[in-house]
Amino acid sequence: MNTAHKQDNEDALIVVGTENELTSPGWMPVPSELVEVRRLGHKVRRGVIETVMKDKSGFWLAADGVEPRLFVLLHDQKQTIRRIAHSG
């Protein structure tokens, strides 16, 4: 396994390395949390986690106004998921 770990705070989930290792294993998405998803440094979406997949492969952000539900794949090396607050 060949991975590079990046230091970060426990409120962010950063994916790096060839094996899609999670560098902040202390945090996993939980329904009702407000998160921001960034891809290649650009904000994709901010939203409330609606459902987390049982296999921990990803989660659904709830629909918000005109924005539809969005599936977020956790093992994506080009994205950062940051917890904003617990909304519920």
N, C-alpha and C. Protein backbone atom coordinates (compact mmCIF):
# COMPACT_ATOMS: atom_id res chain seq x y z
N MET A 1 0.86 -1.17 0.00
CA MET A 1 0.00 0.00 0.00
C MET A 1 0.90 1.23 0.00
N ASN A 2 0.67 2.11 -0.94
CA ASN A 2 1.50 3.29 -1.10
C ASN A 2 0.65 4.54 -0.92
N THR A 3 0.74 5.16 0.24
CA THR A 3 -0.09 6.34 0.48
C THR A 3 0.74 7.48 1.02
N ALA A 4 0.25 8.67 0.80
CA ALA A 4 0.84 9.87 1.38
C ALA A 4 -0.21 10.49 2.28
N HIS A 5 0.14 10.70 3.53
CA HIS A 5 -0.83 11.26 4.47
C HIS A 5 -0.61 12.75 4.62
N LYS A 6 -1.70 13.48 4.63
CA LYS A 6 -1.67 14.93 4.80
C LYS A 6 -2.27 15.26 6.15
N GLN A 7 -1.57 16.06 6.92
CA GLN A 7 -2.06 16.46 8.23
C GLN A 7 -3.25 17.40 8.07
N ASP A 8 -4.31 17.20 8.83
CA ASP A 8 -5.48 18.06 8.76
C ASP A 8 -6.24 17.95 10.06
N ASN A 9 -7.19 18.84 10.28
CA ASN A 9 -7.95 18.77 11.53
C ASN A 9 -9.00 17.67 11.44
N GLU A 10 -9.58 17.31 12.57
CA GLU A 10 -10.51 16.18 12.60
C GLU A 10 -11.87 16.48 12.00
N ASP A 11 -12.13 17.73 11.64
CA ASP A 11 -13.41 18.08 11.02
C ASP A 11 -13.38 17.96 9.50
N ALA A 12 -12.28 17.52 8.94
CA ALA A 12 -12.19 17.40 7.49
C ALA A 12 -11.81 15.98 7.11
N LEU A 13 -12.32 15.56 5.99
CA LEU A 13 -12.01 14.25 5.46
C LEU A 13 -11.29 14.49 4.15
N ILE A 14 -10.00 14.21 4.12
CA ILE A 14 -9.18 14.41 2.93
C ILE A 14 -8.75 13.04 2.43
N VAL A 15 -8.87 12.81 1.15
CA VAL A 15 -8.48 11.53 0.57
C VAL A 15 -7.22 11.73 -0.25
N VAL A 16 -6.16 10.98 0.07
CA VAL A 16 -4.91 11.07 -0.69
C VAL A 16 -4.34 9.67 -0.88
N GLY A 17 -3.42 9.52 -1.81
CA GLY A 17 -2.73 8.26 -1.99
C GLY A 17 -3.39 7.35 -3.00
N THR A 18 -2.65 6.34 -3.41
CA THR A 18 -3.13 5.46 -4.47
C THR A 18 -4.19 4.49 -4.00
N GLU A 19 -4.30 4.26 -2.70
CA GLU A 19 -5.26 3.29 -2.19
C GLU A 19 -6.51 3.97 -1.63
N ASN A 20 -6.69 5.25 -1.91
CA ASN A 20 -7.86 6.00 -1.42
C ASN A 20 -8.00 5.93 0.10
N GLU A 21 -6.90 6.11 0.78
CA GLU A 21 -6.91 6.10 2.25
C GLU A 21 -7.58 7.36 2.77
N LEU A 22 -8.34 7.23 3.83
CA LEU A 22 -8.94 8.39 4.49
C LEU A 22 -7.93 8.89 5.51
N THR A 23 -7.54 10.15 5.42
CA THR A 23 -6.51 10.64 6.32
C THR A 23 -7.05 11.16 7.64
N SER A 24 -8.36 11.29 7.77
CA SER A 24 -8.96 11.72 9.02
C SER A 24 -9.99 10.68 9.46
N PRO A 25 -9.53 9.52 9.90
CA PRO A 25 -10.45 8.44 10.22
C PRO A 25 -11.30 8.71 11.45
N GLY A 26 -11.02 9.78 12.20
CA GLY A 26 -11.81 10.10 13.38
C GLY A 26 -13.18 10.66 13.03
N TRP A 27 -13.39 11.02 11.78
CA TRP A 27 -14.68 11.57 11.37
C TRP A 27 -15.22 10.79 10.20
N MET A 28 -16.45 10.39 10.31
CA MET A 28 -17.18 9.80 9.19
C MET A 28 -18.52 10.52 9.14
N PRO A 29 -19.12 10.63 7.96
CA PRO A 29 -20.37 11.36 7.84
C PRO A 29 -21.50 10.73 8.66
N VAL A 30 -22.34 11.61 9.21
CA VAL A 30 -23.46 11.20 10.04
C VAL A 30 -24.70 11.95 9.55
N PRO A 31 -25.84 11.26 9.42
CA PRO A 31 -27.06 11.96 9.01
C PRO A 31 -27.33 13.18 9.89
N SER A 32 -27.78 14.24 9.27
CA SER A 32 -28.15 15.53 9.85
C SER A 32 -26.97 16.49 10.00
N GLU A 33 -25.75 16.06 9.68
CA GLU A 33 -24.62 16.97 9.72
C GLU A 33 -24.62 17.87 8.49
N LEU A 34 -24.21 19.12 8.69
CA LEU A 34 -24.05 20.07 7.60
C LEU A 34 -22.60 20.00 7.15
N VAL A 35 -22.37 19.76 5.86
CA VAL A 35 -21.02 19.63 5.33
C VAL A 35 -20.86 20.48 4.07
N GLU A 36 -19.62 20.74 3.74
CA GLU A 36 -19.29 21.40 2.49
C GLU A 36 -18.39 20.46 1.70
N VAL A 37 -18.74 20.26 0.44
CA VAL A 37 -17.95 19.40 -0.45
C VAL A 37 -17.19 20.31 -1.40
N ARG A 38 -15.88 20.12 -1.46
CA ARG A 38 -15.03 20.87 -2.38
C ARG A 38 -14.32 19.89 -3.28
N ARG A 39 -14.18 20.25 -4.53
CA ARG A 39 -13.48 19.40 -5.50
C ARG A 39 -12.42 20.24 -6.19
N LEU A 40 -11.19 19.79 -6.10
CA LEU A 40 -10.05 20.53 -6.66
C LEU A 40 -10.02 21.97 -6.14
N GLY A 41 -10.41 22.13 -4.86
CA GLY A 41 -10.36 23.43 -4.22
C GLY A 41 -11.58 24.32 -4.44
N HIS A 42 -12.52 23.90 -5.27
CA HIS A 42 -13.71 24.69 -5.57
C HIS A 42 -14.93 24.11 -4.87
N LYS A 43 -15.75 24.99 -4.30
CA LYS A 43 -16.96 24.54 -3.62
C LYS A 43 -17.92 23.91 -4.62
N VAL A 44 -18.34 22.69 -4.33
CA VAL A 44 -19.32 21.98 -5.14
C VAL A 44 -20.71 22.20 -4.57
N ARG A 45 -20.81 21.96 -3.27
CA ARG A 45 -22.13 22.04 -2.65
C ARG A 45 -21.98 22.04 -1.14
N ARG A 46 -22.87 22.72 -0.49
CA ARG A 46 -22.99 22.68 0.97
C ARG A 46 -24.37 22.12 1.24
N GLY A 47 -24.47 21.19 2.18
CA GLY A 47 -25.77 20.62 2.44
C GLY A 47 -25.78 19.72 3.65
N VAL A 48 -26.97 19.23 3.96
CA VAL A 48 -27.19 18.35 5.10
C VAL A 48 -27.12 16.90 4.64
N ILE A 49 -26.36 16.10 5.36
CA ILE A 49 -26.27 14.67 5.04
C ILE A 49 -27.61 14.02 5.36
N GLU A 50 -28.17 13.39 4.36
CA GLU A 50 -29.47 12.73 4.53
C GLU A 50 -29.31 11.26 4.89
N THR A 51 -28.48 10.56 4.13
CA THR A 51 -28.28 9.12 4.31
C THR A 51 -26.83 8.76 4.06
N VAL A 52 -26.29 7.87 4.89
CA VAL A 52 -24.93 7.35 4.68
C VAL A 52 -25.06 5.90 4.23
N MET A 53 -24.32 5.54 3.20
CA MET A 53 -24.35 4.16 2.70
C MET A 53 -23.83 3.21 3.77
N LYS A 54 -24.45 2.06 3.88
CA LYS A 54 -24.04 1.07 4.89
C LYS A 54 -22.60 0.62 4.73
N ASP A 55 -22.11 0.60 3.49
CA ASP A 55 -20.73 0.17 3.25
C ASP A 55 -19.73 1.33 3.36
N LYS A 56 -20.22 2.51 3.79
CA LYS A 56 -19.39 3.70 3.99
C LYS A 56 -18.73 4.20 2.71
N SER A 57 -19.31 3.87 1.55
CA SER A 57 -18.74 4.30 0.28
C SER A 57 -19.09 5.74 -0.06
N GLY A 58 -20.14 6.25 0.55
CA GLY A 58 -20.56 7.61 0.25
C GLY A 58 -21.80 7.97 1.03
N PHE A 59 -22.36 9.13 0.70
CA PHE A 59 -23.56 9.59 1.38
C PHE A 59 -24.37 10.47 0.44
N TRP A 60 -25.62 10.69 0.81
CA TRP A 60 -26.52 11.57 0.06
C TRP A 60 -26.68 12.88 0.79
N LEU A 61 -26.52 13.98 0.06
CA LEU A 61 -26.90 15.29 0.58
C LEU A 61 -28.37 15.48 0.26
N ALA A 62 -29.11 16.01 1.19
CA ALA A 62 -30.54 16.23 1.01
C ALA A 62 -30.79 17.30 -0.05
N ALA A 63 -31.94 17.21 -0.71
CA ALA A 63 -32.36 18.25 -1.64
C ALA A 63 -32.52 19.56 -0.85
N ASP A 64 -32.24 20.67 -1.51
CA ASP A 64 -32.32 21.97 -0.85
C ASP A 64 -32.80 22.99 -1.87
N GLY A 65 -34.04 23.41 -1.75
CA GLY A 65 -34.61 24.35 -2.72
C GLY A 65 -34.62 23.74 -4.11
N VAL A 66 -33.97 24.39 -5.05
CA VAL A 66 -33.92 23.87 -6.42
C VAL A 66 -32.81 22.85 -6.61
N GLU A 67 -31.94 22.70 -5.61
CA GLU A 67 -30.84 21.73 -5.70
C GLU A 67 -31.38 20.33 -5.40
N PRO A 68 -31.17 19.36 -6.31
CA PRO A 68 -31.64 17.99 -6.05
C PRO A 68 -30.72 17.27 -5.07
N ARG A 69 -31.14 16.09 -4.64
CA ARG A 69 -30.26 15.24 -3.83
C ARG A 69 -28.96 15.03 -4.59
N LEU A 70 -27.86 14.86 -3.86
CA LEU A 70 -26.56 14.66 -4.48
C LEU A 70 -25.83 13.54 -3.78
N PHE A 71 -25.36 12.56 -4.55
CA PHE A 71 -24.56 11.49 -3.96
C PHE A 71 -23.10 11.92 -3.94
N VAL A 72 -22.46 11.76 -2.80
CA VAL A 72 -21.05 12.11 -2.64
C VAL A 72 -20.28 10.84 -2.38
N LEU A 73 -19.36 10.51 -3.26
CA LEU A 73 -18.51 9.34 -3.12
C LEU A 73 -17.36 9.70 -2.19
N LEU A 74 -17.18 8.93 -1.12
CA LEU A 74 -16.13 9.26 -0.15
C LEU A 74 -14.72 9.02 -0.68
N HIS A 75 -14.54 8.01 -1.48
CA HIS A 75 -13.19 7.67 -1.94
C HIS A 75 -12.86 8.37 -3.25
N ASP A 76 -12.84 9.69 -3.22
CA ASP A 76 -12.50 10.50 -4.38
C ASP A 76 -11.29 11.34 -4.02
N GLN A 77 -10.17 11.08 -4.65
CA GLN A 77 -8.91 11.72 -4.29
C GLN A 77 -8.89 13.22 -4.58
N LYS A 78 -9.85 13.72 -5.32
CA LYS A 78 -9.83 15.13 -5.70
C LYS A 78 -10.80 15.98 -4.89
N GLN A 79 -11.38 15.41 -3.83
CA GLN A 79 -12.34 16.21 -3.07
C GLN A 79 -12.01 16.24 -1.59
N THR A 80 -12.55 17.28 -0.95
CA THR A 80 -12.44 17.48 0.49
C THR A 80 -13.86 17.64 1.02
N ILE A 81 -14.15 17.00 2.12
CA ILE A 81 -15.45 17.14 2.76
C ILE A 81 -15.21 17.70 4.15
N ARG A 82 -15.78 18.85 4.42
CA ARG A 82 -15.58 19.50 5.70
C ARG A 82 -16.90 19.62 6.46
N ARG A 83 -16.89 19.20 7.72
CA ARG A 83 -18.08 19.32 8.56
C ARG A 83 -18.24 20.78 8.96
N ILE A 84 -19.43 21.33 8.75
CA ILE A 84 -19.71 22.72 9.11
C ILE A 84 -20.36 22.79 10.49
N ALA A 85 -21.40 21.99 10.71
CA ALA A 85 -22.12 21.98 11.99
C ALA A 85 -23.06 20.80 12.03
N HIS A 86 -23.57 20.52 13.17
CA HIS A 86 -24.59 19.48 13.34
C HIS A 86 -25.93 20.19 13.30
N SER A 87 -26.75 19.88 12.28
CA SER A 87 -27.98 20.63 12.07
C SER A 87 -29.20 20.10 12.81
N GLY A 88 -29.11 18.92 13.38
CA GLY A 88 -30.31 18.36 13.99
C GLY A 88 -30.15 18.11 15.38
